[in-house]
Amino acid sequence: MEHYFTDRPQAASSQREVRATLHGRSWTFLTDRGVFGHRGVDAGTRLLIETMVVRPGDEVLDLGCGYGPVGIVAATMAPGGRVVMVDINERAVVLAAENVQRHGLTNVEVLQGDGFAPVSGRRFDVVVTNPPIRAGRATLRRLFQDARDHLNGGGRLFFVARTAQGAKTLAREVAKIFGNVQEMEKGGGYRVYLSVNTGDHRV
Protein backbone atom coordinates (compact mmCIF):
# COMPACT_ATOMS: atom_id res chain seq x y z
CA MET A 1 0.00 0.00 0.00
CA GLU A 2 1.39 3.37 -0.97
CA HIS A 3 1.89 5.84 1.85
CA TYR A 4 0.78 9.44 1.47
CA PHE A 5 4.19 10.63 2.70
CA THR A 6 5.98 9.50 -0.45
CA ASP A 7 7.23 12.29 -2.68
CA ARG A 8 5.63 11.10 -5.91
CA PRO A 9 2.36 9.19 -5.59
CA GLN A 10 1.91 6.38 -8.11
CA ALA A 11 -1.89 6.28 -7.82
CA ALA A 12 -3.61 7.52 -10.95
CA SER A 13 -4.85 11.07 -10.57
CA SER A 14 -8.59 11.46 -10.00
CA GLN A 15 -9.35 14.93 -8.69
CA ARG A 16 -12.52 15.74 -6.79
CA GLU A 17 -13.92 18.47 -4.59
CA VAL A 18 -14.77 17.93 -0.94
CA ARG A 19 -16.69 20.22 1.35
CA ALA A 20 -16.25 20.78 5.07
CA THR A 21 -17.34 23.15 7.81
CA LEU A 22 -14.27 24.12 9.81
CA HIS A 23 -13.82 26.81 12.42
CA GLY A 24 -17.34 28.08 11.77
CA ARG A 25 -16.98 28.46 8.02
CA SER A 26 -17.82 26.36 4.96
CA TRP A 27 -14.93 25.34 2.72
CA THR A 28 -14.45 23.54 -0.57
CA PHE A 29 -11.13 21.83 -1.27
CA LEU A 30 -9.74 20.19 -4.39
CA THR A 31 -8.31 16.76 -3.55
CA ASP A 32 -6.82 13.79 -5.40
CA ARG A 33 -5.86 10.18 -4.95
CA GLY A 34 -2.45 9.60 -3.40
CA VAL A 35 -3.00 12.43 -0.90
CA PHE A 36 -3.98 12.00 2.75
CA GLY A 37 -7.70 12.42 3.41
CA HIS A 38 -8.58 12.71 -0.25
CA ARG A 39 -12.16 11.54 0.35
CA GLY A 40 -12.78 14.33 2.84
CA VAL A 41 -11.35 16.06 5.89
CA ASP A 42 -10.80 13.28 8.42
CA ALA A 43 -11.88 13.40 12.05
CA GLY A 44 -8.35 13.91 13.39
CA THR A 45 -7.69 16.88 11.13
CA ARG A 46 -11.05 18.38 12.07
CA LEU A 47 -10.27 18.06 15.77
CA LEU A 48 -6.84 19.60 15.24
CA ILE A 49 -8.30 22.58 13.37
CA GLU A 50 -10.99 23.19 15.99
CA THR A 51 -8.46 22.94 18.85
CA MET A 52 -5.38 24.79 17.56
CA VAL A 53 -4.82 28.29 18.90
CA VAL A 54 -3.55 30.72 16.25
CA ARG A 55 -3.23 34.41 17.05
CA PRO A 56 -3.72 37.21 14.49
CA GLY A 57 -0.02 37.95 14.00
CA ASP A 58 1.40 34.43 14.29
CA GLU A 59 3.95 32.91 11.96
CA VAL A 60 2.61 29.38 11.44
CA LEU A 61 4.05 26.21 9.93
CA ASP A 62 1.63 23.54 8.71
CA LEU A 63 3.86 20.45 8.56
CA GLY A 64 2.55 17.72 6.27
CA CYS A 65 -0.11 20.01 4.87
CA GLY A 66 -1.74 17.59 2.43
CA TYR A 67 -4.15 19.54 0.25
CA GLY A 68 -4.20 22.33 2.80
CA PRO A 69 -7.18 22.48 5.19
CA VAL A 70 -5.17 23.10 8.37
CA GLY A 71 -2.92 25.78 6.90
CA ILE A 72 -5.73 27.50 5.03
CA VAL A 73 -7.86 27.81 8.15
CA ALA A 74 -4.80 28.97 10.11
CA ALA A 75 -4.19 31.68 7.51
CA THR A 76 -7.65 33.11 8.10
CA MET A 77 -6.96 33.09 11.87
CA ALA A 78 -3.67 34.98 11.38
CA PRO A 79 -4.46 37.76 8.89
CA GLY A 80 -1.50 39.78 10.14
CA GLY A 81 0.85 36.82 10.16
CA ARG A 82 1.99 34.23 7.67
CA VAL A 83 1.48 30.52 7.11
CA VAL A 84 4.03 28.23 5.51
CA MET A 85 2.65 24.89 4.32
CA VAL A 86 5.08 22.02 3.69
CA ASP A 87 4.60 18.51 2.34
CA ILE A 88 6.90 15.89 0.83
CA ASN A 89 4.13 14.78 -1.55
CA GLU A 90 4.36 16.82 -4.76
CA ARG A 91 0.72 16.15 -5.63
CA ALA A 92 -0.34 17.48 -2.23
CA VAL A 93 1.73 20.63 -2.72
CA VAL A 94 0.13 21.35 -6.09
CA LEU A 95 -3.34 20.86 -4.59
CA ALA A 96 -2.55 23.01 -1.54
CA ALA A 97 -1.34 25.86 -3.74
CA GLU A 98 -4.50 25.61 -5.84
CA ASN A 99 -6.70 25.61 -2.75
CA VAL A 100 -4.87 28.64 -1.34
CA GLN A 101 -5.48 30.47 -4.60
CA ARG A 102 -9.14 29.42 -4.70
CA HIS A 103 -9.69 30.95 -1.28
CA GLY A 104 -7.93 34.18 -2.17
CA LEU A 105 -5.29 33.98 0.55
CA THR A 106 -2.18 36.13 0.18
CA ASN A 107 -0.41 35.29 3.47
CA VAL A 108 0.45 31.67 2.59
CA GLU A 109 3.56 30.04 1.16
CA VAL A 110 3.48 26.42 -0.05
CA LEU A 111 6.73 24.44 -0.24
CA GLN A 112 7.66 20.87 -1.16
CA GLY A 113 10.21 18.93 0.82
CA ASP A 114 10.95 16.39 3.55
CA GLY A 115 10.06 17.58 7.03
CA PHE A 116 11.68 20.88 7.98
CA ALA A 117 14.20 20.90 5.13
CA PRO A 118 12.29 23.57 3.12
CA VAL A 119 12.26 25.94 6.13
CA SER A 120 15.81 25.47 7.38
CA GLY A 121 16.89 28.44 9.49
CA ARG A 122 13.36 29.79 9.91
CA ARG A 123 11.41 29.99 13.15
CA PHE A 124 7.69 30.04 13.87
CA ASP A 125 5.24 30.91 16.61
CA VAL A 126 3.12 27.84 15.88
CA VAL A 127 3.78 24.46 14.32
CA VAL A 128 0.69 22.37 13.54
CA THR A 129 0.86 18.79 12.33
CA ASN A 130 -1.09 15.59 11.82
CA PRO A 131 2.07 13.47 11.85
CA PRO A 132 2.63 10.39 9.64
CA ILE A 133 2.37 7.74 12.36
CA ARG A 134 3.19 4.93 9.92
CA ALA A 135 6.52 6.56 9.08
CA GLY A 136 7.94 5.02 12.24
CA ARG A 137 9.20 6.11 15.64
CA ALA A 138 12.61 7.36 14.49
CA THR A 139 11.08 9.60 11.82
CA LEU A 140 8.50 10.97 14.25
CA ARG A 141 11.14 11.72 16.87
CA ARG A 142 13.19 13.61 14.28
CA LEU A 143 10.15 15.63 13.23
CA PHE A 144 9.30 16.64 16.78
CA GLN A 145 12.90 17.51 17.62
CA ASP A 146 12.99 19.68 14.52
CA ALA A 147 9.67 21.24 15.53
CA ARG A 148 11.18 22.30 18.85
CA ASP A 149 14.23 23.74 17.11
CA HIS A 150 12.09 25.74 14.66
CA LEU A 151 9.85 27.34 17.28
CA ASN A 152 10.41 30.75 18.80
CA GLY A 153 10.62 30.97 22.57
CA GLY A 154 7.13 30.35 23.88
CA GLY A 155 6.16 28.90 20.51
CA ARG A 156 3.47 26.24 20.40
CA LEU A 157 3.29 22.82 18.79
CA PHE A 158 -0.16 21.37 18.19
CA PHE A 159 -0.38 17.75 17.01
CA VAL A 160 -3.05 15.12 16.69
CA ALA A 161 -2.85 11.34 16.86
CA ARG A 162 -5.26 8.45 16.88
CA THR A 163 -5.71 6.97 20.36
CA ALA A 164 -5.62 3.42 19.00
CA GLN A 165 -2.33 4.13 17.19
CA GLY A 166 -0.45 5.12 20.32
CA ALA A 167 -1.37 8.77 20.88
CA LYS A 168 -0.50 8.62 24.58
CA THR A 169 2.84 6.96 23.89
CA LEU A 170 3.65 9.58 21.27
CA ALA A 171 2.71 12.34 23.70
CA ARG A 172 5.17 10.94 26.26
CA GLU A 173 7.90 10.96 23.61
CA VAL A 174 7.13 14.57 22.74
CA ALA A 175 7.19 15.48 26.45
CA LYS A 176 10.77 14.16 26.65
CA ILE A 177 11.75 16.47 23.78
CA PHE A 178 9.90 19.61 24.88
CA GLY A 179 9.81 19.05 28.62
CA ASN A 180 6.02 19.40 28.57
CA VAL A 181 2.88 18.17 26.84
CA GLN A 182 -0.79 18.85 27.49
CA GLU A 183 -3.82 17.03 26.14
CA MET A 184 -6.05 19.77 24.76
CA GLU A 185 -8.98 17.83 23.33
CA LYS A 186 -10.12 14.32 22.49
CA GLY A 187 -12.94 12.89 20.42
CA GLY A 188 -13.73 10.54 17.56
CA GLY A 189 -10.83 8.30 18.53
CA TYR A 190 -8.27 11.13 18.35
CA ARG A 191 -6.36 13.29 20.81
CA VAL A 192 -4.88 16.76 20.26
CA TYR A 193 -1.84 17.79 22.27
CA LEU A 194 0.05 21.01 22.91
CA SER A 195 3.75 21.39 23.71
CA VAL A 196 5.41 24.75 24.33
CA ASN A 197 9.02 25.66 23.57
CA THR A 198 10.14 26.78 27.02
CA GLY A 199 13.84 26.49 26.23
CA ASP A 200 14.18 23.93 29.02
CA HIS A 201 14.37 20.61 27.19
CA ARG A 202 14.97 17.08 28.37
CA VAL A 203 16.11 14.85 25.50
C-alpha atoms as a PDB file:
ATOM      1  CA  MET A   1       0.000   0.000   0.000  1.00  0.00           C
ATOM      2  CA  GLU A   2       1.392   3.375  -0.974  1.00  0.00           C
ATOM      3  CA  HIS A   3       1.888   5.840   1.847  1.00  0.00           C
ATOM      4  CA  TYR A   4       0.776   9.437   1.465  1.00  0.00           C
ATOM      5  CA  PHE A   5       4.193  10.631   2.704  1.00  0.00           C
ATOM      6  CA  THR A   6       5.982   9.500  -0.450  1.00  0.00           C
ATOM      7  CA  ASP A   7       7.231  12.288  -2.677  1.00  0.00           C
ATOM      8  CA  ARG A   8       5.631  11.102  -5.905  1.00  0.00           C
ATOM      9  CA  PRO A   9       2.356   9.185  -5.593  1.00  0.00           C
ATOM     10  CA  GLN A  10       1.908   6.380  -8.109  1.00  0.00           C
ATOM     11  CA  ALA A  11      -1.887   6.283  -7.816  1.00  0.00           C
ATOM     12  CA  ALA A  12      -3.606   7.520 -10.952  1.00  0.00           C
ATOM     13  CA  SER A  13      -4.855  11.068 -10.566  1.00  0.00           C
ATOM     14  CA  SER A  14      -8.590  11.460  -9.997  1.00  0.00           C
ATOM     15  CA  GLN A  15      -9.351  14.927  -8.691  1.00  0.00           C
ATOM     16  CA  ARG A  16     -12.518  15.735  -6.787  1.00  0.00           C
ATOM     17  CA  GLU A  17     -13.919  18.474  -4.589  1.00  0.00           C
ATOM     18  CA  VAL A  18     -14.766  17.929  -0.936  1.00  0.00           C
ATOM     19  CA  ARG A  19     -16.685  20.223   1.355  1.00  0.00           C
ATOM     20  CA  ALA A  20     -16.251  20.775   5.067  1.00  0.00           C
ATOM     21  CA  THR A  21     -17.341  23.152   7.811  1.00  0.00           C
ATOM     22  CA  LEU A  22     -14.267  24.121   9.808  1.00  0.00           C
ATOM     23  CA  HIS A  23     -13.820  26.806  12.422  1.00  0.00           C
ATOM     24  CA  GLY A  24     -17.335  28.085  11.771  1.00  0.00           C
ATOM     25  CA  ARG A  25     -16.977  28.459   8.024  1.00  0.00           C
ATOM     26  CA  SER A  26     -17.816  26.356   4.963  1.00  0.00           C
ATOM     27  CA  TRP A  27     -14.929  25.342   2.724  1.00  0.00           C
ATOM     28  CA  THR A  28     -14.447  23.543  -0.571  1.00  0.00           C
ATOM     29  CA  PHE A  29     -11.126  21.826  -1.266  1.00  0.00           C
ATOM     30  CA  LEU A  30      -9.739  20.193  -4.388  1.00  0.00           C
ATOM     31  CA  THR A  31      -8.305  16.756  -3.554  1.00  0.00           C
ATOM     32  CA  ASP A  32      -6.824  13.794  -5.396  1.00  0.00           C
ATOM     33  CA  ARG A  33      -5.858  10.182  -4.952  1.00  0.00           C
ATOM     34  CA  GLY A  34      -2.452   9.600  -3.400  1.00  0.00           C
ATOM     35  CA  VAL A  35      -2.998  12.433  -0.901  1.00  0.00           C
ATOM     36  CA  PHE A  36      -3.976  12.005   2.746  1.00  0.00           C
ATOM     37  CA  GLY A  37      -7.696  12.425   3.414  1.00  0.00           C
ATOM     38  CA  HIS A  38      -8.580  12.709  -0.255  1.00  0.00           C
ATOM     39  CA  ARG A  39     -12.155  11.537   0.348  1.00  0.00           C
ATOM     40  CA  GLY A  40     -12.778  14.327   2.839  1.00  0.00           C
ATOM     41  CA  VAL A  41     -11.348  16.064   5.889  1.00  0.00           C
ATOM     42  CA  ASP A  42     -10.803  13.277   8.418  1.00  0.00           C
ATOM     43  CA  ALA A  43     -11.885  13.398  12.053  1.00  0.00           C
ATOM     44  CA  GLY A  44      -8.352  13.913  13.387  1.00  0.00           C
ATOM     45  CA  THR A  45      -7.692  16.880  11.128  1.00  0.00           C
ATOM     46  CA  ARG A  46     -11.055  18.377  12.069  1.00  0.00           C
ATOM     47  CA  LEU A  47     -10.270  18.061  15.768  1.00  0.00           C
ATOM     48  CA  LEU A  48      -6.837  19.601  15.236  1.00  0.00           C
ATOM     49  CA  ILE A  49      -8.301  22.578  13.370  1.00  0.00           C
ATOM     50  CA  GLU A  50     -10.985  23.195  15.994  1.00  0.00           C
ATOM     51  CA  THR A  51      -8.463  22.935  18.847  1.00  0.00           C
ATOM     52  CA  MET A  52      -5.379  24.791  17.556  1.00  0.00           C
ATOM     53  CA  VAL A  53      -4.821  28.295  18.899  1.00  0.00           C
ATOM     54  CA  VAL A  54      -3.554  30.720  16.253  1.00  0.00           C
ATOM     55  CA  ARG A  55      -3.226  34.414  17.045  1.00  0.00           C
ATOM     56  CA  PRO A  56      -3.721  37.214  14.492  1.00  0.00           C
ATOM     57  CA  GLY A  57      -0.025  37.950  13.997  1.00  0.00           C
ATOM     58  CA  ASP A  58       1.395  34.435  14.293  1.00  0.00           C
ATOM     59  CA  GLU A  59       3.946  32.912  11.958  1.00  0.00           C
ATOM     60  CA  VAL A  60       2.609  29.382  11.436  1.00  0.00           C
ATOM     61  CA  LEU A  61       4.051  26.207   9.931  1.00  0.00           C
ATOM     62  CA  ASP A  62       1.634  23.535   8.707  1.00  0.00           C
ATOM     63  CA  LEU A  63       3.860  20.452   8.562  1.00  0.00           C
ATOM     64  CA  GLY A  64       2.555  17.720   6.266  1.00  0.00           C
ATOM     65  CA  CYS A  65      -0.111  20.012   4.873  1.00  0.00           C
ATOM     66  CA  GLY A  66      -1.738  17.590   2.431  1.00  0.00           C
ATOM     67  CA  TYR A  67      -4.152  19.540   0.255  1.00  0.00           C
ATOM     68  CA  GLY A  68      -4.199  22.335   2.802  1.00  0.00           C
ATOM     69  CA  PRO A  69      -7.181  22.482   5.192  1.00  0.00           C
ATOM     70  CA  VAL A  70      -5.167  23.101   8.366  1.00  0.00           C
ATOM     71  CA  GLY A  71      -2.918  25.782   6.900  1.00  0.00           C
ATOM     72  CA  ILE A  72      -5.725  27.495   5.031  1.00  0.00           C
ATOM     73  CA  VAL A  73      -7.862  27.810   8.151  1.00  0.00           C
ATOM     74  CA  ALA A  74      -4.799  28.971  10.111  1.00  0.00           C
ATOM     75  CA  ALA A  75      -4.186  31.683   7.507  1.00  0.00           C
ATOM     76  CA  THR A  76      -7.646  33.107   8.104  1.00  0.00           C
ATOM     77  CA  MET A  77      -6.962  33.088  11.868  1.00  0.00           C
ATOM     78  CA  ALA A  78      -3.667  34.984  11.384  1.00  0.00           C
ATOM     79  CA  PRO A  79      -4.455  37.759   8.885  1.00  0.00           C
ATOM     80  CA  GLY A  80      -1.503  39.783  10.140  1.00  0.00           C
ATOM     81  CA  GLY A  81       0.851  36.818  10.161  1.00  0.00           C
ATOM     82  CA  ARG A  82       1.990  34.232   7.674  1.00  0.00           C
ATOM     83  CA  VAL A  83       1.483  30.524   7.111  1.00  0.00           C
ATOM     84  CA  VAL A  84       4.028  28.232   5.506  1.00  0.00           C
ATOM     85  CA  MET A  85       2.654  24.895   4.316  1.00  0.00           C
ATOM     86  CA  VAL A  86       5.080  22.023   3.688  1.00  0.00           C
ATOM     87  CA  ASP A  87       4.599  18.506   2.345  1.00  0.00           C
ATOM     88  CA  ILE A  88       6.903  15.894   0.835  1.00  0.00           C
ATOM     89  CA  ASN A  89       4.130  14.780  -1.548  1.00  0.00           C
ATOM     90  CA  GLU A  90       4.359  16.815  -4.761  1.00  0.00           C
ATOM     91  CA  ARG A  91       0.724  16.154  -5.626  1.00  0.00           C
ATOM     92  CA  ALA A  92      -0.340  17.482  -2.231  1.00  0.00           C
ATOM     93  CA  VAL A  93       1.731  20.631  -2.715  1.00  0.00           C
ATOM     94  CA  VAL A  94       0.126  21.354  -6.091  1.00  0.00           C
ATOM     95  CA  LEU A  95      -3.336  20.865  -4.585  1.00  0.00           C
ATOM     96  CA  ALA A  96      -2.551  23.012  -1.543  1.00  0.00           C
ATOM     97  CA  ALA A  97      -1.342  25.861  -3.742  1.00  0.00           C
ATOM     98  CA  GLU A  98      -4.497  25.607  -5.842  1.00  0.00           C
ATOM     99  CA  ASN A  99      -6.704  25.613  -2.746  1.00  0.00           C
ATOM    100  CA  VAL A 100      -4.872  28.640  -1.337  1.00  0.00           C
ATOM    101  CA  GLN A 101      -5.479  30.474  -4.600  1.00  0.00           C
ATOM    102  CA  ARG A 102      -9.140  29.418  -4.703  1.00  0.00           C
ATOM    103  CA  HIS A 103      -9.692  30.948  -1.279  1.00  0.00           C
ATOM    104  CA  GLY A 104      -7.926  34.181  -2.168  1.00  0.00           C
ATOM    105  CA  LEU A 105      -5.294  33.977   0.553  1.00  0.00           C
ATOM    106  CA  THR A 106      -2.176  36.126   0.181  1.00  0.00           C
ATOM    107  CA  ASN A 107      -0.407  35.289   3.470  1.00  0.00           C
ATOM    108  CA  VAL A 108       0.449  31.667   2.587  1.00  0.00           C
ATOM    109  CA  GLU A 109       3.562  30.041   1.160  1.00  0.00           C
ATOM    110  CA  VAL A 110       3.479  26.420  -0.048  1.00  0.00           C
ATOM    111  CA  LEU A 111       6.729  24.442  -0.244  1.00  0.00           C
ATOM    112  CA  GLN A 112       7.661  20.872  -1.158  1.00  0.00           C
ATOM    113  CA  GLY A 113      10.214  18.926   0.821  1.00  0.00           C
ATOM    114  CA  ASP A 114      10.949  16.394   3.546  1.00  0.00           C
ATOM    115  CA  GLY A 115      10.064  17.576   7.029  1.00  0.00           C
ATOM    116  CA  PHE A 116      11.677  20.877   7.978  1.00  0.00           C
ATOM    117  CA  ALA A 117      14.199  20.902   5.131  1.00  0.00           C
ATOM    118  CA  PRO A 118      12.295  23.569   3.122  1.00  0.00           C
ATOM    119  CA  VAL A 119      12.260  25.943   6.130  1.00  0.00           C
ATOM    120  CA  SER A 120      15.807  25.466   7.381  1.00  0.00           C
ATOM    121  CA  GLY A 121      16.885  28.441   9.488  1.00  0.00           C
ATOM    122  CA  ARG A 122      13.358  29.794   9.907  1.00  0.00           C
ATOM    123  CA  ARG A 123      11.412  29.991  13.153  1.00  0.00           C
ATOM    124  CA  PHE A 124       7.692  30.040  13.870  1.00  0.00           C
ATOM    125  CA  ASP A 125       5.239  30.911  16.609  1.00  0.00           C
ATOM    126  CA  VAL A 126       3.119  27.840  15.884  1.00  0.00           C
ATOM    127  CA  VAL A 127       3.777  24.455  14.318  1.00  0.00           C
ATOM    128  CA  VAL A 128       0.695  22.372  13.538  1.00  0.00           C
ATOM    129  CA  THR A 129       0.858  18.791  12.334  1.00  0.00           C
ATOM    130  CA  ASN A 130      -1.090  15.593  11.820  1.00  0.00           C
ATOM    131  CA  PRO A 131       2.073  13.465  11.854  1.00  0.00           C
ATOM    132  CA  PRO A 132       2.626  10.391   9.643  1.00  0.00           C
ATOM    133  CA  ILE A 133       2.365   7.744  12.356  1.00  0.00           C
ATOM    134  CA  ARG A 134       3.187   4.927   9.918  1.00  0.00           C
ATOM    135  CA  ALA A 135       6.518   6.564   9.085  1.00  0.00           C
ATOM    136  CA  GLY A 136       7.944   5.016  12.243  1.00  0.00           C
ATOM    137  CA  ARG A 137       9.196   6.108  15.642  1.00  0.00           C
ATOM    138  CA  ALA A 138      12.608   7.365  14.488  1.00  0.00           C
ATOM    139  CA  THR A 139      11.083   9.602  11.823  1.00  0.00           C
ATOM    140  CA  LEU A 140       8.503  10.969  14.246  1.00  0.00           C
ATOM    141  CA  ARG A 141      11.139  11.720  16.867  1.00  0.00           C
ATOM    142  CA  ARG A 142      13.190  13.613  14.284  1.00  0.00           C
ATOM    143  CA  LEU A 143      10.145  15.634  13.227  1.00  0.00           C
ATOM    144  CA  PHE A 144       9.304  16.643  16.776  1.00  0.00           C
ATOM    145  CA  GLN A 145      12.897  17.510  17.625  1.00  0.00           C
ATOM    146  CA  ASP A 146      12.988  19.675  14.519  1.00  0.00           C
ATOM    147  CA  ALA A 147       9.666  21.236  15.525  1.00  0.00           C
ATOM    148  CA  ARG A 148      11.180  22.299  18.854  1.00  0.00           C
ATOM    149  CA  ASP A 149      14.230  23.741  17.107  1.00  0.00           C
ATOM    150  CA  HIS A 150      12.088  25.743  14.656  1.00  0.00           C
ATOM    151  CA  LEU A 151       9.849  27.337  17.285  1.00  0.00           C
ATOM    152  CA  ASN A 152      10.411  30.752  18.803  1.00  0.00           C
ATOM    153  CA  GLY A 153      10.625  30.967  22.574  1.00  0.00           C
ATOM    154  CA  GLY A 154       7.129  30.346  23.879  1.00  0.00           C
ATOM    155  CA  GLY A 155       6.162  28.899  20.508  1.00  0.00           C
ATOM    156  CA  ARG A 156       3.468  26.242  20.398  1.00  0.00           C
ATOM    157  CA  LEU A 157       3.293  22.822  18.792  1.00  0.00           C
ATOM    158  CA  PHE A 158      -0.161  21.369  18.191  1.00  0.00           C
ATOM    159  CA  PHE A 159      -0.381  17.753  17.014  1.00  0.00           C
ATOM    160  CA  VAL A 160      -3.054  15.118  16.686  1.00  0.00           C
ATOM    161  CA  ALA A 161      -2.852  11.345  16.861  1.00  0.00           C
ATOM    162  CA  ARG A 162      -5.264   8.452  16.882  1.00  0.00           C
ATOM    163  CA  THR A 163      -5.709   6.974  20.357  1.00  0.00           C
ATOM    164  CA  ALA A 164      -5.623   3.417  18.997  1.00  0.00           C
ATOM    165  CA  GLN A 165      -2.332   4.128  17.192  1.00  0.00           C
ATOM    166  CA  GLY A 166      -0.451   5.124  20.324  1.00  0.00           C
ATOM    167  CA  ALA A 167      -1.372   8.772  20.881  1.00  0.00           C
ATOM    168  CA  LYS A 168      -0.505   8.622  24.577  1.00  0.00           C
ATOM    169  CA  THR A 169       2.842   6.960  23.891  1.00  0.00           C
ATOM    170  CA  LEU A 170       3.646   9.579  21.269  1.00  0.00           C
ATOM    171  CA  ALA A 171       2.705  12.339  23.702  1.00  0.00           C
ATOM    172  CA  ARG A 172       5.174  10.935  26.256  1.00  0.00           C
ATOM    173  CA  GLU A 173       7.902  10.955  23.611  1.00  0.00           C
ATOM    174  CA  VAL A 174       7.128  14.575  22.743  1.00  0.00           C
ATOM    175  CA  ALA A 175       7.191  15.480  26.453  1.00  0.00           C
ATOM    176  CA  LYS A 176      10.765  14.158  26.646  1.00  0.00           C
ATOM    177  CA  ILE A 177      11.749  16.472  23.784  1.00  0.00           C
ATOM    178  CA  PHE A 178       9.899  19.615  24.879  1.00  0.00           C
ATOM    179  CA  GLY A 179       9.806  19.053  28.625  1.00  0.00           C
ATOM    180  CA  ASN A 180       6.023  19.400  28.572  1.00  0.00           C
ATOM    181  CA  VAL A 181       2.883  18.175  26.835  1.00  0.00           C
ATOM    182  CA  GLN A 182      -0.788  18.854  27.491  1.00  0.00           C
ATOM    183  CA  GLU A 183      -3.819  17.030  26.136  1.00  0.00           C
ATOM    184  CA  MET A 184      -6.050  19.770  24.762  1.00  0.00           C
ATOM    185  CA  GLU A 185      -8.980  17.826  23.332  1.00  0.00           C
ATOM    186  CA  LYS A 186     -10.124  14.319  22.488  1.00  0.00           C
ATOM    187  CA  GLY A 187     -12.940  12.887  20.417  1.00  0.00           C
ATOM    188  CA  GLY A 188     -13.733  10.542  17.563  1.00  0.00           C
ATOM    189  CA  GLY A 189     -10.834   8.302  18.533  1.00  0.00           C
ATOM    190  CA  TYR A 190      -8.265  11.127  18.350  1.00  0.00           C
ATOM    191  CA  ARG A 191      -6.356  13.294  20.813  1.00  0.00           C
ATOM    192  CA  VAL A 192      -4.879  16.757  20.264  1.00  0.00           C
ATOM    193  CA  TYR A 193      -1.835  17.789  22.272  1.00  0.00           C
ATOM    194  CA  LEU A 194       0.054  21.013  22.912  1.00  0.00           C
ATOM    195  CA  SER A 195       3.748  21.388  23.715  1.00  0.00           C
ATOM    196  CA  VAL A 196       5.413  24.752  24.333  1.00  0.00           C
ATOM    197  CA  ASN A 197       9.022  25.655  23.565  1.00  0.00           C
ATOM    198  CA  THR A 198      10.144  26.780  27.015  1.00  0.00           C
ATOM    199  CA  GLY A 199      13.843  26.489  26.227  1.00  0.00           C
ATOM    200  CA  ASP A 200      14.177  23.927  29.022  1.00  0.00           C
ATOM    201  CA  HIS A 201      14.367  20.605  27.193  1.00  0.00           C
ATOM    202  CA  ARG A 202      14.974  17.080  28.369  1.00  0.00           C
ATOM    203  CA  VAL A 203      16.107  14.852  25.505  1.00  0.00           C
END
